[in-house]
Amino acid sequence: MLSIFQTKKESKNSVSFKVRISVIQEFKKLAKLKGFSQATLIENAMIMLIEEMKKMEDKK
């Protein structure tokens, strides 16, 4: 699943990729605590990843 977000630029910038992985791990912890469904978890993670990607693009 994560490989979808890995572009050629990101493979050079592995730090941002690691940040995204940690974001998803945090979501999994939240999901267990609050009992979110897997679909809600994935949807929220996708939204956050897209927002993070936009921030990265804006910084360049």
Protein backbone atom coordinates (compact mmCIF):
# COMPACT_ATOMS: atom_id res chain seq x y z
CA MET A 1 0.00 0.00 0.00
CA LEU A 2 2.71 2.49 0.95
CA SER A 3 4.55 2.00 -2.34
CA ILE A 4 1.70 3.88 -4.08
CA PHE A 5 3.02 7.11 -2.56
CA GLN A 6 6.69 6.51 -3.30
CA THR A 7 7.69 8.60 -6.29
CA LYS A 8 11.19 8.93 -7.69
CA LYS A 9 11.68 12.13 -5.67
CA GLU A 10 10.58 10.43 -2.47
CA SER A 11 12.92 7.49 -2.88
CA LYS A 12 15.74 10.07 -2.67
CA ASN A 13 14.06 11.75 0.28
CA SER A 14 13.44 8.75 2.52
CA VAL A 15 12.88 10.95 5.59
CA SER A 16 9.49 12.16 4.37
CA PHE A 17 8.58 8.58 3.50
CA LYS A 18 9.47 7.42 7.02
CA VAL A 19 7.31 10.22 8.42
CA ARG A 20 4.35 8.92 6.42
CA ILE A 21 4.89 5.40 7.72
CA SER A 22 4.90 6.71 11.30
CA VAL A 23 1.68 8.64 10.63
CA ILE A 24 -0.01 5.40 9.57
CA GLN A 25 1.33 3.63 12.66
CA GLU A 26 -0.20 6.38 14.83
CA PHE A 27 -3.51 5.89 13.03
CA LYS A 28 -3.43 2.18 13.81
CA LYS A 29 -2.91 2.95 17.51
CA LEU A 30 -5.83 5.41 17.45
CA ALA A 31 -8.00 2.91 15.63
CA LYS A 32 -7.41 0.30 18.33
CA LEU A 33 -8.17 2.79 21.10
CA LYS A 34 -11.29 4.25 19.53
CA GLY A 35 -12.50 1.21 17.59
CA PHE A 36 -12.51 2.80 14.15
CA SER A 37 -13.28 0.52 11.23
CA GLN A 38 -10.47 -0.32 8.82
CA ALA A 39 -12.20 1.67 6.06
CA THR A 40 -12.33 4.82 8.21
CA LEU A 41 -8.71 4.31 9.19
CA ILE A 42 -7.57 4.02 5.57
CA GLU A 43 -9.67 7.00 4.47
CA ASN A 44 -8.24 9.21 7.21
CA ALA A 45 -4.70 8.04 6.50
CA MET A 46 -5.11 8.81 2.79
CA ILE A 47 -6.36 12.32 3.59
CA MET A 48 -3.42 12.96 5.91
CA LEU A 49 -0.91 11.59 3.40
CA ILE A 50 -2.27 13.81 0.66
CA GLU A 51 -2.07 16.85 2.95
CA GLU A 52 1.52 15.97 3.89
CA MET A 53 2.45 15.53 0.23
CA LYS A 54 1.00 18.97 -0.57
CA LYS A 55 3.06 20.51 2.25
CA MET A 56 6.22 18.86 0.91
CA GLU A 57 5.50 20.17 -2.60
CA ASP A 58 4.86 23.69 -1.27
CA LYS A 59 8.26 23.73 0.49
CA LYS A 60 10.12 23.00 -2.77
